[in-house]
PDB file of all heavy atoms in Angstrom:
ATOM      1  N   GLY A   1     -48.260 -17.390   1.345  1.00  0.00           N
ATOM      2  CA  GLY A   1     -48.536 -16.061   1.866  1.00  0.00           C
ATOM      3  C   GLY A   1     -47.963 -14.919   1.065  1.00  0.00           C
ATOM      4  O   GLY A   1     -48.240 -13.756   1.374  1.00  0.00           O
ATOM      5  N   GLY A   2     -47.172 -15.226   0.057  1.00  0.00           N
ATOM      6  CA  GLY A   2     -46.630 -14.173  -0.762  1.00  0.00           C
ATOM      7  C   GLY A   2     -47.702 -13.543  -1.632  1.00  0.00           C
ATOM      8  O   GLY A   2     -48.827 -14.023  -1.735  1.00  0.00           O
ATOM      9  N   GLY A   3     -47.339 -12.464  -2.241  1.00  0.00           N
ATOM     10  CA  GLY A   3     -48.270 -11.760  -3.099  1.00  0.00           C
ATOM     11  C   GLY A   3     -47.840 -10.330  -3.312  1.00  0.00           C
ATOM     12  O   GLY A   3     -46.671  -9.979  -3.146  1.00  0.00           O
ATOM     13  N   LEU A   4     -48.797  -9.519  -3.667  1.00  0.00           N
ATOM     14  CA  LEU A   4     -48.562  -8.109  -3.953  1.00  0.00           C
ATOM     15  C   LEU A   4     -49.003  -7.260  -2.773  1.00  0.00           C
ATOM     16  O   LEU A   4     -50.115  -7.423  -2.260  1.00  0.00           O
ATOM     17  CB  LEU A   4     -49.321  -7.695  -5.213  1.00  0.00           C
ATOM     18  CG  LEU A   4     -49.248  -6.225  -5.621  1.00  0.00           C
ATOM     19  CD1 LEU A   4     -47.824  -5.842  -5.992  1.00  0.00           C
ATOM     20  CD2 LEU A   4     -50.194  -5.951  -6.777  1.00  0.00           C
ATOM     21  N   ALA A   5     -48.137  -6.375  -2.359  1.00  0.00           N
ATOM     22  CA  ALA A   5     -48.448  -5.440  -1.294  1.00  0.00           C
ATOM     23  C   ALA A   5     -47.980  -4.054  -1.684  1.00  0.00           C
ATOM     24  O   ALA A   5     -47.031  -3.893  -2.453  1.00  0.00           O
ATOM     25  CB  ALA A   5     -47.799  -5.868   0.020  1.00  0.00           C
ATOM     26  N   GLN A   6     -48.652  -3.064  -1.161  1.00  0.00           N
ATOM     27  CA  GLN A   6     -48.231  -1.689  -1.363  1.00  0.00           C
ATOM     28  C   GLN A   6     -47.158  -1.314  -0.353  1.00  0.00           C
ATOM     29  O   GLN A   6     -47.066  -1.909   0.719  1.00  0.00           O
ATOM     30  CB  GLN A   6     -49.423  -0.741  -1.235  1.00  0.00           C
ATOM     31  CG  GLN A   6     -50.467  -0.904  -2.320  1.00  0.00           C
ATOM     32  CD  GLN A   6     -51.567   0.134  -2.232  1.00  0.00           C
ATOM     33  OE1 GLN A   6     -51.796   0.709  -1.164  1.00  0.00           O
ATOM     34  NE2 GLN A   6     -52.246   0.376  -3.332  1.00  0.00           N
ATOM     35  N   PRO A   7     -46.323  -0.351  -0.687  1.00  0.00           N
ATOM     36  CA  PRO A   7     -45.364   0.127   0.305  1.00  0.00           C
ATOM     37  C   PRO A   7     -46.068   0.519   1.596  1.00  0.00           C
ATOM     38  O   PRO A   7     -47.108   1.177   1.573  1.00  0.00           O
ATOM     39  CB  PRO A   7     -44.721   1.336  -0.376  1.00  0.00           C
ATOM     40  CG  PRO A   7     -44.843   1.036  -1.829  1.00  0.00           C
ATOM     41  CD  PRO A   7     -46.163   0.321  -1.982  1.00  0.00           C
ATOM     42  N   GLY A   8     -45.507   0.086   2.699  1.00  0.00           N
ATOM     43  CA  GLY A   8     -46.125   0.303   3.992  1.00  0.00           C
ATOM     44  C   GLY A   8     -47.098  -0.777   4.409  1.00  0.00           C
ATOM     45  O   GLY A   8     -47.543  -0.793   5.566  1.00  0.00           O
ATOM     46  N   GLY A   9     -47.416  -1.674   3.501  1.00  0.00           N
ATOM     47  CA  GLY A   9     -48.339  -2.744   3.796  1.00  0.00           C
ATOM     48  C   GLY A   9     -47.679  -3.910   4.494  1.00  0.00           C
ATOM     49  O   GLY A   9     -46.502  -3.868   4.852  1.00  0.00           O
ATOM     50  N   SER A  10     -48.450  -4.969   4.668  1.00  0.00           N
ATOM     51  CA  SER A  10     -47.986  -6.141   5.403  1.00  0.00           C
ATOM     52  C   SER A  10     -48.339  -7.419   4.665  1.00  0.00           C
ATOM     53  O   SER A  10     -49.332  -7.491   3.948  1.00  0.00           O
ATOM     54  CB  SER A  10     -48.622  -6.192   6.799  1.00  0.00           C
ATOM     55  OG  SER A  10     -48.268  -5.071   7.579  1.00  0.00           O
ATOM     56  N   LEU A  11     -47.512  -8.410   4.860  1.00  0.00           N
ATOM     57  CA  LEU A  11     -47.768  -9.764   4.422  1.00  0.00           C
ATOM     58  C   LEU A  11     -47.260 -10.708   5.496  1.00  0.00           C
ATOM     59  O   LEU A  11     -46.313 -10.384   6.209  1.00  0.00           O
ATOM     60  CB  LEU A  11     -47.064 -10.086   3.101  1.00  0.00           C
ATOM     61  CG  LEU A  11     -47.595  -9.446   1.825  1.00  0.00           C
ATOM     62  CD1 LEU A  11     -46.630  -9.720   0.672  1.00  0.00           C
ATOM     63  CD2 LEU A  11     -48.985  -9.978   1.488  1.00  0.00           C
ATOM     64  N   ARG A  12     -47.881 -11.863   5.595  1.00  0.00           N
ATOM     65  CA  ARG A  12     -47.389 -12.896   6.487  1.00  0.00           C
ATOM     66  C   ARG A  12     -47.089 -14.150   5.689  1.00  0.00           C
ATOM     67  O   ARG A  12     -47.980 -14.741   5.065  1.00  0.00           O
ATOM     68  CB  ARG A  12     -48.385 -13.220   7.605  1.00  0.00           C
ATOM     69  CG  ARG A  12     -47.773 -14.124   8.683  1.00  0.00           C
ATOM     70  CD  ARG A  12     -48.739 -14.501   9.783  1.00  0.00           C
ATOM     71  NE  ARG A  12     -49.693 -15.525   9.360  1.00  0.00           N
ATOM     72  CZ  ARG A  12     -50.407 -16.276  10.183  1.00  0.00           C
ATOM     73  NH1 ARG A  12     -50.278 -16.113  11.504  1.00  0.00           N
ATOM     74  NH2 ARG A  12     -51.262 -17.167   9.714  1.00  0.00           N
ATOM     75  N   LEU A  13     -45.839 -14.545   5.719  1.00  0.00           N
ATOM     76  CA  LEU A  13     -45.413 -15.755   5.059  1.00  0.00           C
ATOM     77  C   LEU A  13     -45.460 -16.924   6.026  1.00  0.00           C
ATOM     78  O   LEU A  13     -45.214 -16.768   7.221  1.00  0.00           O
ATOM     79  CB  LEU A  13     -43.995 -15.613   4.511  1.00  0.00           C
ATOM     80  CG  LEU A  13     -43.719 -14.415   3.602  1.00  0.00           C
ATOM     81  CD1 LEU A  13     -42.287 -14.483   3.078  1.00  0.00           C
ATOM     82  CD2 LEU A  13     -44.719 -14.354   2.456  1.00  0.00           C
ATOM     83  N   SER A  14     -45.765 -18.088   5.496  1.00  0.00           N
ATOM     84  CA  SER A  14     -45.781 -19.306   6.286  1.00  0.00           C
ATOM     85  C   SER A  14     -44.859 -20.329   5.660  1.00  0.00           C
ATOM     86  O   SER A  14     -44.741 -20.410   4.432  1.00  0.00           O
ATOM     87  CB  SER A  14     -47.195 -19.890   6.374  1.00  0.00           C
ATOM     88  OG  SER A  14     -48.083 -18.998   7.003  1.00  0.00           O
ATOM     89  N   CYS A  15     -44.224 -21.099   6.494  1.00  0.00           N
ATOM     90  CA  CYS A  15     -43.344 -22.188   6.063  1.00  0.00           C
ATOM     91  C   CYS A  15     -43.767 -23.428   6.818  1.00  0.00           C
ATOM     92  O   CYS A  15     -43.687 -23.471   8.048  1.00  0.00           O
ATOM     93  CB  CYS A  15     -41.888 -21.830   6.355  1.00  0.00           C
ATOM     94  SG  CYS A  15     -40.698 -23.152   6.014  1.00  0.00           S
ATOM     95  N   THR A  16     -44.217 -24.421   6.094  1.00  0.00           N
ATOM     96  CA  THR A  16     -44.743 -25.635   6.698  1.00  0.00           C
ATOM     97  C   THR A  16     -43.966 -26.835   6.204  1.00  0.00           C
ATOM     98  O   THR A  16     -43.672 -26.951   5.013  1.00  0.00           O
ATOM     99  CB  THR A  16     -46.236 -25.801   6.372  1.00  0.00           C
ATOM    100  OG1 THR A  16     -46.965 -24.661   6.831  1.00  0.00           O
ATOM    101  CG2 THR A  16     -46.798 -27.041   7.039  1.00  0.00           C
ATOM    102  N   VAL A  17     -43.658 -27.723   7.110  1.00  0.00           N
ATOM    103  CA  VAL A  17     -42.894 -28.911   6.763  1.00  0.00           C
ATOM    104  C   VAL A  17     -43.826 -30.029   6.334  1.00  0.00           C
ATOM    105  O   VAL A  17     -44.997 -30.102   6.763  1.00  0.00           O
ATOM    106  CB  VAL A  17     -42.013 -29.363   7.947  1.00  0.00           C
ATOM    107  CG1 VAL A  17     -42.870 -29.948   9.067  1.00  0.00           C
ATOM    108  CG2 VAL A  17     -40.965 -30.369   7.495  1.00  0.00           C
ATOM    109  N   SER A  18     -43.321 -30.869   5.486  1.00  0.00           N
ATOM    110  CA  SER A  18     -44.015 -32.079   5.078  1.00  0.00           C
ATOM    111  C   SER A  18     -43.083 -33.253   5.290  1.00  0.00           C
ATOM    112  O   SER A  18     -42.007 -33.303   4.691  1.00  0.00           O
ATOM    113  CB  SER A  18     -44.454 -32.000   3.611  1.00  0.00           C
ATOM    114  OG  SER A  18     -45.057 -33.208   3.188  1.00  0.00           O
ATOM    115  N   GLY A  19     -43.463 -34.169   6.171  1.00  0.00           N
ATOM    116  CA  GLY A  19     -42.696 -35.383   6.398  1.00  0.00           C
ATOM    117  C   GLY A  19     -41.721 -35.314   7.552  1.00  0.00           C
ATOM    118  O   GLY A  19     -41.319 -36.356   8.070  1.00  0.00           O
ATOM    119  N   PHE A  20     -41.325 -34.128   7.945  1.00  0.00           N
ATOM    120  CA  PHE A  20     -40.403 -33.931   9.056  1.00  0.00           C
ATOM    121  C   PHE A  20     -41.047 -33.020  10.084  1.00  0.00           C
ATOM    122  O   PHE A  20     -41.893 -32.187   9.754  1.00  0.00           O
ATOM    123  CB  PHE A  20     -39.087 -33.285   8.597  1.00  0.00           C
ATOM    124  CG  PHE A  20     -38.053 -34.227   8.063  1.00  0.00           C
ATOM    125  CD1 PHE A  20     -38.225 -34.838   6.843  1.00  0.00           C
ATOM    126  CD2 PHE A  20     -36.904 -34.483   8.788  1.00  0.00           C
ATOM    127  CE1 PHE A  20     -37.264 -35.698   6.340  1.00  0.00           C
ATOM    128  CE2 PHE A  20     -35.933 -35.343   8.292  1.00  0.00           C
ATOM    129  CZ  PHE A  20     -36.125 -35.950   7.058  1.00  0.00           C
ATOM    130  N   THR A  21     -40.610 -33.177  11.316  1.00  0.00           N
ATOM    131  CA  THR A  21     -40.906 -32.168  12.320  1.00  0.00           C
ATOM    132  C   THR A  21     -39.770 -31.160  12.328  1.00  0.00           C
ATOM    133  O   THR A  21     -38.616 -31.501  12.089  1.00  0.00           O
ATOM    134  CB  THR A  21     -41.075 -32.788  13.718  1.00  0.00           C
ATOM    135  OG1 THR A  21     -41.245 -31.750  14.683  1.00  0.00           O
ATOM    136  CG2 THR A  21     -39.865 -33.638  14.095  1.00  0.00           C
ATOM    137  N   LEU A  22     -40.102 -29.921  12.603  1.00  0.00           N
ATOM    138  CA  LEU A  22     -39.103 -28.870  12.683  1.00  0.00           C
ATOM    139  C   LEU A  22     -38.612 -28.640  14.110  1.00  0.00           C
ATOM    140  O   LEU A  22     -37.906 -27.670  14.366  1.00  0.00           O
ATOM    141  CB  LEU A  22     -39.673 -27.567  12.120  1.00  0.00           C
ATOM    142  CG  LEU A  22     -39.989 -27.563  10.621  1.00  0.00           C
ATOM    143  CD1 LEU A  22     -40.625 -26.241  10.217  1.00  0.00           C
ATOM    144  CD2 LEU A  22     -38.735 -27.837   9.807  1.00  0.00           C
ATOM    145  N   TYR A  23     -38.958 -29.520  14.993  1.00  0.00           N
ATOM    146  CA  TYR A  23     -38.655 -29.348  16.407  1.00  0.00           C
ATOM    147  C   TYR A  23     -37.181 -29.053  16.664  1.00  0.00           C
ATOM    148  O   TYR A  23     -36.843 -28.146  17.431  1.00  0.00           O
ATOM    149  CB  TYR A  23     -39.079 -30.594  17.173  1.00  0.00           C
ATOM    150  CG  TYR A  23     -38.916 -30.511  18.674  1.00  0.00           C
ATOM    151  CD1 TYR A  23     -39.869 -29.885  19.458  1.00  0.00           C
ATOM    152  CD2 TYR A  23     -37.809 -31.079  19.293  1.00  0.00           C
ATOM    153  CE1 TYR A  23     -39.727 -29.824  20.833  1.00  0.00           C
ATOM    154  CE2 TYR A  23     -37.657 -31.026  20.667  1.00  0.00           C
ATOM    155  CZ  TYR A  23     -38.622 -30.403  21.436  1.00  0.00           C
ATOM    156  OH  TYR A  23     -38.480 -30.341  22.802  1.00  0.00           O
ATOM    157  N   HIS A  24     -36.308 -29.813  16.033  1.00  0.00           N
ATOM    158  CA  HIS A  24     -34.872 -29.671  16.269  1.00  0.00           C
ATOM    159  C   HIS A  24     -34.183 -28.750  15.269  1.00  0.00           C
ATOM    160  O   HIS A  24     -32.969 -28.566  15.354  1.00  0.00           O
ATOM    161  CB  HIS A  24     -34.194 -31.040  16.240  1.00  0.00           C
ATOM    162  CG  HIS A  24     -34.539 -31.918  17.399  1.00  0.00           C
ATOM    163  ND1 HIS A  24     -34.074 -31.682  18.673  1.00  0.00           N
ATOM    164  CD2 HIS A  24     -35.314 -33.030  17.484  1.00  0.00           C
ATOM    165  CE1 HIS A  24     -34.540 -32.613  19.494  1.00  0.00           C
ATOM    166  NE2 HIS A  24     -35.290 -33.444  18.795  1.00  0.00           N
ATOM    167  N   TYR A  25     -34.934 -28.184  14.359  1.00  0.00           N
ATOM    168  CA  TYR A  25     -34.363 -27.371  13.295  1.00  0.00           C
ATOM    169  C   TYR A  25     -34.450 -25.891  13.604  1.00  0.00           C
ATOM    170  O   TYR A  25     -35.455 -25.402  14.120  1.00  0.00           O
ATOM    171  CB  TYR A  25     -35.091 -27.618  11.971  1.00  0.00           C
ATOM    172  CG  TYR A  25     -34.823 -28.952  11.323  1.00  0.00           C
ATOM    173  CD1 TYR A  25     -35.473 -30.094  11.750  1.00  0.00           C
ATOM    174  CD2 TYR A  25     -33.945 -29.050  10.251  1.00  0.00           C
ATOM    175  CE1 TYR A  25     -35.239 -31.317  11.144  1.00  0.00           C
ATOM    176  CE2 TYR A  25     -33.709 -30.260   9.630  1.00  0.00           C
ATOM    177  CZ  TYR A  25     -34.357 -31.389  10.080  1.00  0.00           C
ATOM    178  OH  TYR A  25     -34.128 -32.595   9.462  1.00  0.00           O
ATOM    179  N   ALA A  26     -33.380 -25.193  13.282  1.00  0.00           N
ATOM    180  CA  ALA A  26     -33.487 -23.756  13.116  1.00  0.00           C
ATOM    181  C   ALA A  26     -34.040 -23.487  11.725  1.00  0.00           C
ATOM    182  O   ALA A  26     -33.680 -24.172  10.763  1.00  0.00           O
ATOM    183  CB  ALA A  26     -32.128 -23.085  13.290  1.00  0.00           C
ATOM    184  N   VAL A  27     -34.908 -22.521  11.620  1.00  0.00           N
ATOM    185  CA  VAL A  27     -35.567 -22.224  10.353  1.00  0.00           C
ATOM    186  C   VAL A  27     -35.311 -20.780   9.980  1.00  0.00           C
ATOM    187  O   VAL A  27     -35.550 -19.871  10.783  1.00  0.00           O
ATOM    188  CB  VAL A  27     -37.075 -22.498  10.432  1.00  0.00           C
ATOM    189  CG1 VAL A  27     -37.741 -22.179   9.093  1.00  0.00           C
ATOM    190  CG2 VAL A  27     -37.336 -23.945  10.818  1.00  0.00           C
TER     191      VAL A  27
END
C-alpha cells in the first residue's frame, strides 16, 4: 500500500501474515 502521495493525501497500508495467525499478537 505504500507509494507516493501529495501533502494532505491519503494512503492505506496493509500488513498480512504468512504462516501465522495474528490472533494473539499485538501488531
